[in-house]
Amino acid sequence: MYRKKIYSKGFLVPALILYTALFVVPCLISFGYSLTNWNSISANIKFVGMNNFKRIFSTSSPT
């Protein structure tokens, strides 16, 4: 009985590591980038917070 529990965790751990490395981490990094005003060419990264989202969801024209 004890052997089956270890065996099942042996398959779960690599799957969770891959899921975290290939999905969770890129999502968190993308969310971090969405909170900045950065064009990926210059070295200047300006933190603007939720202003990007406010501008997207506002009904007025973009400035």
N, C-alpha and C. Protein backbone atom coordinates (compact mmCIF):
# COMPACT_ATOMS: atom_id res chain seq x y z
N MET A 1 0.81 -1.19 0.00
CA MET A 1 0.00 0.00 0.00
C MET A 1 0.86 1.26 0.00
N TYR A 2 1.89 1.29 0.81
CA TYR A 2 2.76 2.45 0.90
C TYR A 2 3.51 2.68 -0.40
N ARG A 3 3.84 1.65 -1.10
CA ARG A 3 4.58 1.75 -2.35
C ARG A 3 3.78 2.46 -3.43
N LYS A 4 2.47 2.27 -3.47
CA LYS A 4 1.63 2.91 -4.48
C LYS A 4 1.60 4.43 -4.30
N LYS A 5 1.60 4.90 -3.07
CA LYS A 5 1.55 6.34 -2.82
C LYS A 5 2.83 7.02 -3.31
N ILE A 6 3.96 6.42 -3.09
CA ILE A 6 5.22 6.98 -3.56
C ILE A 6 5.27 6.95 -5.08
N TYR A 7 4.77 5.88 -5.66
CA TYR A 7 4.80 5.73 -7.11
C TYR A 7 3.93 6.80 -7.78
N SER A 8 2.76 7.08 -7.21
CA SER A 8 1.89 8.08 -7.81
C SER A 8 2.48 9.49 -7.67
N LYS A 9 3.16 9.77 -6.56
CA LYS A 9 3.80 11.07 -6.39
C LYS A 9 4.97 11.23 -7.34
N GLY A 10 5.58 10.13 -7.71
CA GLY A 10 6.69 10.19 -8.66
C GLY A 10 6.26 10.68 -10.02
N PHE A 11 5.01 10.46 -10.39
CA PHE A 11 4.48 10.98 -11.65
C PHE A 11 3.92 12.39 -11.49
N LEU A 12 3.47 12.72 -10.33
CA LEU A 12 2.86 14.02 -10.09
C LEU A 12 3.88 15.15 -10.03
N VAL A 13 4.99 14.93 -9.39
CA VAL A 13 5.99 15.99 -9.19
C VAL A 13 6.56 16.50 -10.52
N PRO A 14 7.00 15.65 -11.45
CA PRO A 14 7.50 16.20 -12.72
C PRO A 14 6.43 16.93 -13.52
N ALA A 15 5.19 16.46 -13.44
CA ALA A 15 4.11 17.14 -14.15
C ALA A 15 3.87 18.53 -13.57
N LEU A 16 3.90 18.64 -12.25
CA LEU A 16 3.71 19.95 -11.63
C LEU A 16 4.87 20.89 -11.92
N ILE A 17 6.07 20.36 -11.98
CA ILE A 17 7.22 21.19 -12.31
C ILE A 17 7.11 21.72 -13.74
N LEU A 18 6.73 20.86 -14.67
CA LEU A 18 6.55 21.30 -16.06
C LEU A 18 5.42 22.31 -16.17
N TYR A 19 4.31 22.06 -15.51
CA TYR A 19 3.17 22.97 -15.55
C TYR A 19 3.57 24.34 -15.00
N THR A 20 4.30 24.33 -13.90
CA THR A 20 4.73 25.59 -13.31
C THR A 20 5.71 26.32 -14.22
N ALA A 21 6.66 25.60 -14.78
CA ALA A 21 7.70 26.23 -15.60
C ALA A 21 7.15 26.72 -16.94
N LEU A 22 6.19 26.01 -17.51
CA LEU A 22 5.72 26.36 -18.85
C LEU A 22 4.41 27.14 -18.88
N PHE A 23 3.70 27.23 -17.76
CA PHE A 23 2.44 27.97 -17.76
C PHE A 23 2.38 29.04 -16.68
N VAL A 24 2.61 28.67 -15.44
CA VAL A 24 2.42 29.61 -14.33
C VAL A 24 3.45 30.73 -14.37
N VAL A 25 4.72 30.40 -14.53
CA VAL A 25 5.77 31.42 -14.54
C VAL A 25 5.59 32.40 -15.70
N PRO A 26 5.35 31.95 -16.94
CA PRO A 26 5.13 32.93 -18.02
C PRO A 26 3.89 33.80 -17.80
N CYS A 27 2.84 33.26 -17.20
CA CYS A 27 1.67 34.08 -16.90
C CYS A 27 1.99 35.17 -15.89
N LEU A 28 2.73 34.83 -14.87
CA LEU A 28 3.11 35.84 -13.87
C LEU A 28 4.03 36.90 -14.46
N ILE A 29 4.96 36.49 -15.30
CA ILE A 29 5.86 37.45 -15.94
C ILE A 29 5.08 38.37 -16.87
N SER A 30 4.14 37.83 -17.63
CA SER A 30 3.32 38.64 -18.53
C SER A 30 2.48 39.65 -17.75
N PHE A 31 1.94 39.22 -16.62
CA PHE A 31 1.17 40.15 -15.80
C PHE A 31 2.07 41.26 -15.27
N GLY A 32 3.29 40.92 -14.91
CA GLY A 32 4.25 41.94 -14.47
C GLY A 32 4.56 42.93 -15.58
N TYR A 33 4.74 42.44 -16.79
CA TYR A 33 4.99 43.33 -17.93
C TYR A 33 3.78 44.22 -18.21
N SER A 34 2.58 43.71 -17.98
CA SER A 34 1.38 44.50 -18.27
C SER A 34 1.24 45.68 -17.32
N LEU A 35 1.95 45.67 -16.23
CA LEU A 35 1.90 46.77 -15.27
C LEU A 35 2.98 47.82 -15.54
N THR A 36 3.69 47.68 -16.65
CA THR A 36 4.75 48.63 -16.98
C THR A 36 4.47 49.30 -18.31
N ASN A 37 5.20 50.36 -18.56
CA ASN A 37 5.16 51.04 -19.84
C ASN A 37 6.53 50.83 -20.48
N TRP A 38 6.70 49.72 -21.16
CA TRP A 38 7.99 49.31 -21.71
C TRP A 38 7.78 48.82 -23.13
N ASN A 39 8.61 49.27 -24.05
CA ASN A 39 8.45 48.87 -25.45
C ASN A 39 9.40 47.76 -25.86
N SER A 40 10.12 47.17 -24.97
CA SER A 40 11.06 46.05 -25.14
C SER A 40 12.29 46.39 -25.98
N ILE A 41 12.42 47.62 -26.41
CA ILE A 41 13.61 48.05 -27.16
C ILE A 41 14.51 48.88 -26.25
N SER A 42 13.91 49.80 -25.55
CA SER A 42 14.70 50.66 -24.67
C SER A 42 14.92 49.98 -23.32
N ALA A 43 15.88 50.50 -22.58
CA ALA A 43 16.17 49.95 -21.26
C ALA A 43 15.33 50.61 -20.18
N ASN A 44 14.55 51.61 -20.54
CA ASN A 44 13.74 52.33 -19.57
C ASN A 44 12.43 51.57 -19.33
N ILE A 45 12.27 51.11 -18.11
CA ILE A 45 11.03 50.44 -17.73
C ILE A 45 10.35 51.32 -16.70
N LYS A 46 9.14 51.77 -17.02
CA LYS A 46 8.41 52.65 -16.12
C LYS A 46 7.19 51.90 -15.58
N PHE A 47 7.10 51.78 -14.28
CA PHE A 47 5.96 51.13 -13.64
C PHE A 47 4.77 52.06 -13.67
N VAL A 48 3.66 51.64 -14.27
CA VAL A 48 2.47 52.47 -14.34
C VAL A 48 1.29 51.85 -13.61
N GLY A 49 1.45 50.67 -13.08
CA GLY A 49 0.39 50.04 -12.30
C GLY A 49 -0.81 49.67 -13.15
N MET A 50 -1.98 49.94 -12.65
CA MET A 50 -3.22 49.55 -13.33
C MET A 50 -3.67 50.55 -14.38
N ASN A 51 -2.87 51.57 -14.67
CA ASN A 51 -3.27 52.57 -15.66
C ASN A 51 -3.45 51.97 -17.04
N ASN A 52 -2.66 50.97 -17.40
CA ASN A 52 -2.83 50.31 -18.69
C ASN A 52 -4.21 49.67 -18.79
N PHE A 53 -4.66 49.02 -17.74
CA PHE A 53 -5.97 48.38 -17.75
C PHE A 53 -7.09 49.40 -17.73
N LYS A 54 -6.90 50.49 -17.00
CA LYS A 54 -7.90 51.56 -17.00
C LYS A 54 -8.06 52.12 -18.40
N ARG A 55 -6.96 52.30 -19.10
CA ARG A 55 -7.01 52.85 -20.45
C ARG A 55 -7.68 51.88 -21.42
N ILE A 56 -7.45 50.60 -21.27
CA ILE A 56 -8.06 49.61 -22.16
C ILE A 56 -9.58 49.56 -21.96
N PHE A 57 -10.03 49.58 -20.71
CA PHE A 57 -11.45 49.38 -20.42
C PHE A 57 -12.24 50.67 -20.35
N SER A 58 -11.60 51.80 -20.56
CA SER A 58 -12.36 53.05 -20.56
C SER A 58 -13.07 53.21 -21.91
N THR A 59 -14.14 53.96 -21.91
CA THR A 59 -14.91 54.16 -23.14
C THR A 59 -14.39 55.31 -23.97
N SER A 60 -13.53 56.14 -23.41
CA SER A 60 -13.01 57.27 -24.15
C SER A 60 -11.92 56.83 -25.11
N SER A 61 -11.59 57.71 -26.03
CA SER A 61 -10.55 57.38 -27.01
C SER A 61 -9.18 57.38 -26.35
N PRO A 62 -8.26 56.56 -26.85
CA PRO A 62 -6.92 56.51 -26.24
C PRO A 62 -6.15 57.80 -26.44
N THR A 63 -5.30 58.13 -25.50
CA THR A 63 -4.50 59.36 -25.60
C THR A 63 -3.08 59.02 -25.91
